[in-house]
Amino acid sequence: MANTVQARKRARQALVARAHNMAQRSELRTAIKKVRAAIAAGDKAAAAGVLQSSMSVIDSIADKKIIHKNKAARHKSRLAQAIKAMA
C-alpha cells in the first residue's frame, strides 16, 4: 500500500483513470461488434453507415491514446475490407 500522501493520491487517480479507460475500451468493442453484426446481416448500405459512425468512435479512442493509432487503423481497415467484399 502507498505510504506517502502523494502516492495515495496517485493510487486514487489511477483507479479513476482505469475505470474511464475500461469504459472507453468497452465502447470500442461495442462499435466493432455493431459493424460485424451489420456485415453478418448482409445489408451493405446499412453496414457502411454503421462503419462511418464506428470509425469516429475508433478514432477518438485512438486520439486519447487508449489504444495505439496503428491498432485503430488496423480495425478500420479490416472492417472496411469486409464491407467491400460483400456481394
N, C-alpha and C. Protein backbone atom coordinates (compact mmCIF):
# COMPACT_ATOMS: atom_id res chain seq x y z
N MET A 1 0.84 -1.19 0.00
CA MET A 1 0.00 0.00 0.00
C MET A 1 0.87 1.24 0.00
N ALA A 2 0.37 2.30 -0.59
CA ALA A 2 1.12 3.56 -0.68
C ALA A 2 1.27 4.18 0.71
N ASN A 3 2.46 4.72 0.98
CA ASN A 3 2.74 5.29 2.30
C ASN A 3 2.67 6.80 2.31
N THR A 4 3.12 7.45 1.25
CA THR A 4 3.13 8.91 1.25
C THR A 4 1.78 9.45 0.77
N VAL A 5 1.55 10.71 1.06
CA VAL A 5 0.30 11.35 0.67
C VAL A 5 0.18 11.37 -0.86
N GLN A 6 1.28 11.74 -1.52
CA GLN A 6 1.19 11.83 -2.98
C GLN A 6 1.02 10.46 -3.62
N ALA A 7 1.60 9.42 -3.03
CA ALA A 7 1.43 8.07 -3.57
C ALA A 7 -0.01 7.60 -3.39
N ARG A 8 -0.63 7.95 -2.25
CA ARG A 8 -2.04 7.61 -2.04
C ARG A 8 -2.92 8.32 -3.06
N LYS A 9 -2.61 9.58 -3.31
CA LYS A 9 -3.40 10.35 -4.29
C LYS A 9 -3.26 9.75 -5.68
N ARG A 10 -2.03 9.38 -6.06
CA ARG A 10 -1.81 8.78 -7.38
C ARG A 10 -2.56 7.45 -7.50
N ALA A 11 -2.62 6.70 -6.41
CA ALA A 11 -3.35 5.43 -6.43
C ALA A 11 -4.83 5.67 -6.65
N ARG A 12 -5.39 6.71 -6.00
CA ARG A 12 -6.80 7.06 -6.20
C ARG A 12 -7.04 7.50 -7.64
N GLN A 13 -6.15 8.33 -8.16
CA GLN A 13 -6.30 8.82 -9.53
C GLN A 13 -6.19 7.68 -10.54
N ALA A 14 -5.32 6.72 -10.24
CA ALA A 14 -5.13 5.59 -11.15
C ALA A 14 -6.41 4.76 -11.23
N LEU A 15 -7.11 4.61 -10.12
CA LEU A 15 -8.37 3.87 -10.13
C LEU A 15 -9.41 4.54 -11.02
N VAL A 16 -9.49 5.86 -10.92
CA VAL A 16 -10.46 6.62 -11.74
C VAL A 16 -10.09 6.51 -13.21
N ALA A 17 -8.80 6.67 -13.52
CA ALA A 17 -8.34 6.60 -14.91
C ALA A 17 -8.57 5.21 -15.49
N ARG A 18 -8.34 4.18 -14.68
CA ARG A 18 -8.53 2.80 -15.14
C ARG A 18 -9.99 2.55 -15.46
N ALA A 19 -10.88 3.02 -14.61
CA ALA A 19 -12.31 2.84 -14.85
C ALA A 19 -12.73 3.55 -16.14
N HIS A 20 -12.21 4.74 -16.36
CA HIS A 20 -12.54 5.50 -17.56
C HIS A 20 -12.02 4.79 -18.81
N ASN A 21 -10.78 4.30 -18.74
CA ASN A 21 -10.20 3.62 -19.89
C ASN A 21 -10.93 2.32 -20.20
N MET A 22 -11.36 1.60 -19.16
CA MET A 22 -12.10 0.36 -19.38
C MET A 22 -13.44 0.66 -20.07
N ALA A 23 -14.08 1.75 -19.68
CA ALA A 23 -15.35 2.13 -20.31
C ALA A 23 -15.14 2.49 -21.77
N GLN A 24 -14.04 3.18 -22.06
CA GLN A 24 -13.74 3.55 -23.43
C GLN A 24 -13.45 2.32 -24.29
N ARG A 25 -12.69 1.36 -23.74
CA ARG A 25 -12.40 0.12 -24.47
C ARG A 25 -13.68 -0.67 -24.74
N SER A 26 -14.59 -0.65 -23.77
CA SER A 26 -15.86 -1.34 -23.94
C SER A 26 -16.66 -0.69 -25.07
N GLU A 27 -16.64 0.63 -25.13
CA GLU A 27 -17.32 1.35 -26.20
C GLU A 27 -16.72 0.99 -27.56
N LEU A 28 -15.40 0.85 -27.61
CA LEU A 28 -14.72 0.45 -28.84
C LEU A 28 -15.17 -0.93 -29.29
N ARG A 29 -15.17 -1.88 -28.35
CA ARG A 29 -15.57 -3.25 -28.70
C ARG A 29 -17.02 -3.30 -29.16
N THR A 30 -17.88 -2.51 -28.53
CA THR A 30 -19.28 -2.47 -28.92
C THR A 30 -19.43 -1.93 -30.33
N ALA A 31 -18.68 -0.87 -30.67
CA ALA A 31 -18.75 -0.28 -32.00
C ALA A 31 -18.32 -1.29 -33.06
N ILE A 32 -17.27 -2.04 -32.77
CA ILE A 32 -16.77 -3.04 -33.72
C ILE A 32 -17.79 -4.16 -33.89
N LYS A 33 -18.41 -4.58 -32.77
CA LYS A 33 -19.43 -5.64 -32.84
C LYS A 33 -20.63 -5.19 -33.66
N LYS A 34 -21.00 -3.91 -33.56
CA LYS A 34 -22.14 -3.41 -34.33
C LYS A 34 -21.87 -3.51 -35.83
N VAL A 35 -20.64 -3.18 -36.24
CA VAL A 35 -20.28 -3.26 -37.65
C VAL A 35 -20.29 -4.72 -38.10
N ARG A 36 -19.71 -5.61 -37.30
CA ARG A 36 -19.68 -7.03 -37.67
C ARG A 36 -21.09 -7.61 -37.76
N ALA A 37 -21.99 -7.16 -36.88
CA ALA A 37 -23.37 -7.63 -36.94
C ALA A 37 -24.06 -7.14 -38.20
N ALA A 38 -23.78 -5.89 -38.59
CA ALA A 38 -24.37 -5.34 -39.82
C ALA A 38 -23.83 -6.08 -41.04
N ILE A 39 -22.57 -6.46 -41.02
CA ILE A 39 -21.99 -7.22 -42.13
C ILE A 39 -22.64 -8.60 -42.19
N ALA A 40 -22.83 -9.23 -41.02
CA ALA A 40 -23.45 -10.55 -40.98
C ALA A 40 -24.90 -10.51 -41.46
N ALA A 41 -25.57 -9.38 -41.25
CA ALA A 41 -26.96 -9.24 -41.70
C ALA A 41 -27.06 -9.19 -43.21
N GLY A 42 -25.99 -8.76 -43.88
CA GLY A 42 -25.94 -8.80 -45.34
C GLY A 42 -26.36 -7.53 -46.04
N ASP A 43 -26.71 -6.47 -45.32
CA ASP A 43 -27.09 -5.21 -45.95
C ASP A 43 -25.86 -4.31 -46.06
N LYS A 44 -25.34 -4.18 -47.27
CA LYS A 44 -24.08 -3.45 -47.48
C LYS A 44 -24.23 -1.96 -47.15
N ALA A 45 -25.35 -1.35 -47.54
CA ALA A 45 -25.55 0.08 -47.28
C ALA A 45 -25.65 0.36 -45.78
N ALA A 46 -26.38 -0.48 -45.07
CA ALA A 46 -26.51 -0.29 -43.62
C ALA A 46 -25.16 -0.51 -42.93
N ALA A 47 -24.42 -1.50 -43.40
CA ALA A 47 -23.11 -1.78 -42.81
C ALA A 47 -22.16 -0.61 -43.02
N ALA A 48 -22.22 0.00 -44.20
CA ALA A 48 -21.36 1.16 -44.48
C ALA A 48 -21.73 2.33 -43.58
N GLY A 49 -23.02 2.51 -43.32
CA GLY A 49 -23.44 3.58 -42.42
C GLY A 49 -22.97 3.36 -41.00
N VAL A 50 -23.09 2.13 -40.53
CA VAL A 50 -22.63 1.81 -39.18
C VAL A 50 -21.12 1.97 -39.09
N LEU A 51 -20.41 1.61 -40.16
CA LEU A 51 -18.95 1.75 -40.17
C LEU A 51 -18.54 3.20 -40.00
N GLN A 52 -19.25 4.13 -40.67
CA GLN A 52 -18.90 5.54 -40.56
C GLN A 52 -18.99 6.03 -39.12
N SER A 53 -20.06 5.66 -38.42
CA SER A 53 -20.19 6.10 -37.02
C SER A 53 -19.16 5.39 -36.13
N SER A 54 -18.85 4.14 -36.45
CA SER A 54 -17.87 3.40 -35.65
C SER A 54 -16.46 3.94 -35.87
N MET A 55 -16.17 4.41 -37.07
CA MET A 55 -14.83 4.95 -37.34
C MET A 55 -14.54 6.16 -36.46
N SER A 56 -15.55 7.00 -36.24
CA SER A 56 -15.31 8.17 -35.39
C SER A 56 -15.05 7.74 -33.95
N VAL A 57 -15.75 6.69 -33.49
CA VAL A 57 -15.52 6.18 -32.14
C VAL A 57 -14.10 5.62 -32.03
N ILE A 58 -13.70 4.84 -33.03
CA ILE A 58 -12.36 4.24 -33.04
C ILE A 58 -11.29 5.33 -33.05
N ASP A 59 -11.48 6.35 -33.89
CA ASP A 59 -10.50 7.43 -33.97
C ASP A 59 -10.40 8.22 -32.67
N SER A 60 -11.53 8.49 -32.04
CA SER A 60 -11.49 9.29 -30.81
C SER A 60 -10.78 8.52 -29.70
N ILE A 61 -10.98 7.21 -29.65
CA ILE A 61 -10.31 6.41 -28.62
C ILE A 61 -8.81 6.33 -28.89
N ALA A 62 -8.44 6.28 -30.17
CA ALA A 62 -7.01 6.29 -30.51
C ALA A 62 -6.39 7.65 -30.20
N ASP A 63 -7.13 8.73 -30.43
CA ASP A 63 -6.62 10.08 -30.13
C ASP A 63 -6.35 10.25 -28.64
N LYS A 64 -7.14 9.58 -27.82
CA LYS A 64 -6.96 9.65 -26.37
C LYS A 64 -5.87 8.70 -25.89
N LYS A 65 -5.24 7.99 -26.82
CA LYS A 65 -4.14 7.05 -26.54
C LYS A 65 -4.57 5.90 -25.65
N ILE A 66 -5.85 5.51 -25.75
CA ILE A 66 -6.32 4.35 -25.01
C ILE A 66 -5.95 3.09 -25.79
N ILE A 67 -5.97 3.18 -27.12
CA ILE A 67 -5.39 2.15 -27.97
C ILE A 67 -4.41 2.84 -28.91
N HIS A 68 -3.48 2.08 -29.46
CA HIS A 68 -2.48 2.63 -30.37
C HIS A 68 -3.13 3.01 -31.70
N LYS A 69 -2.60 4.04 -32.34
CA LYS A 69 -3.18 4.50 -33.61
C LYS A 69 -3.10 3.43 -34.69
N ASN A 70 -2.06 2.59 -34.65
CA ASN A 70 -1.96 1.52 -35.66
C ASN A 70 -3.03 0.45 -35.44
N LYS A 71 -3.36 0.19 -34.18
CA LYS A 71 -4.41 -0.78 -33.89
C LYS A 71 -5.75 -0.24 -34.38
N ALA A 72 -5.97 1.04 -34.19
CA ALA A 72 -7.21 1.66 -34.67
C ALA A 72 -7.28 1.57 -36.19
N ALA A 73 -6.17 1.86 -36.84
CA ALA A 73 -6.13 1.81 -38.31
C ALA A 73 -6.37 0.39 -38.80
N ARG A 74 -5.82 -0.58 -38.09
CA ARG A 74 -5.99 -1.99 -38.49
C ARG A 74 -7.46 -2.40 -38.37
N HIS A 75 -8.12 -2.01 -37.28
CA HIS A 75 -9.54 -2.32 -37.12
C HIS A 75 -10.37 -1.69 -38.23
N LYS A 76 -10.13 -0.41 -38.49
CA LYS A 76 -10.90 0.29 -39.52
C LYS A 76 -10.68 -0.33 -40.89
N SER A 77 -9.45 -0.68 -41.18
CA SER A 77 -9.12 -1.26 -42.47
C SER A 77 -9.80 -2.61 -42.68
N ARG A 78 -9.75 -3.46 -41.65
CA ARG A 78 -10.33 -4.79 -41.79
C ARG A 78 -11.85 -4.75 -41.89
N LEU A 79 -12.47 -3.81 -41.16
CA LEU A 79 -13.92 -3.68 -41.24
C LEU A 79 -14.33 -3.16 -42.64
N ALA A 80 -13.59 -2.16 -43.13
CA ALA A 80 -13.88 -1.61 -44.44
C ALA A 80 -13.68 -2.68 -45.53
N GLN A 81 -12.64 -3.47 -45.37
CA GLN A 81 -12.35 -4.55 -46.30
C GLN A 81 -13.48 -5.58 -46.31
N ALA A 82 -14.01 -5.89 -45.14
CA ALA A 82 -15.09 -6.87 -45.04
C ALA A 82 -16.37 -6.34 -45.72
N ILE A 83 -16.62 -5.04 -45.58
CA ILE A 83 -17.79 -4.45 -46.24
C ILE A 83 -17.60 -4.42 -47.75
N LYS A 84 -16.40 -4.10 -48.18
CA LYS A 84 -16.11 -4.05 -49.61
C LYS A 84 -16.25 -5.44 -50.25
N ALA A 85 -15.95 -6.47 -49.48
CA ALA A 85 -16.02 -7.85 -50.00
C ALA A 85 -17.44 -8.37 -50.09
N MET A 86 -18.40 -7.64 -49.50
CA MET A 86 -19.80 -8.11 -49.56
C MET A 86 -20.30 -8.05 -50.99
N ALA A 87 -21.13 -9.02 -51.36
CA ALA A 87 -21.64 -9.09 -52.74
C ALA A 87 -22.71 -8.05 -52.98
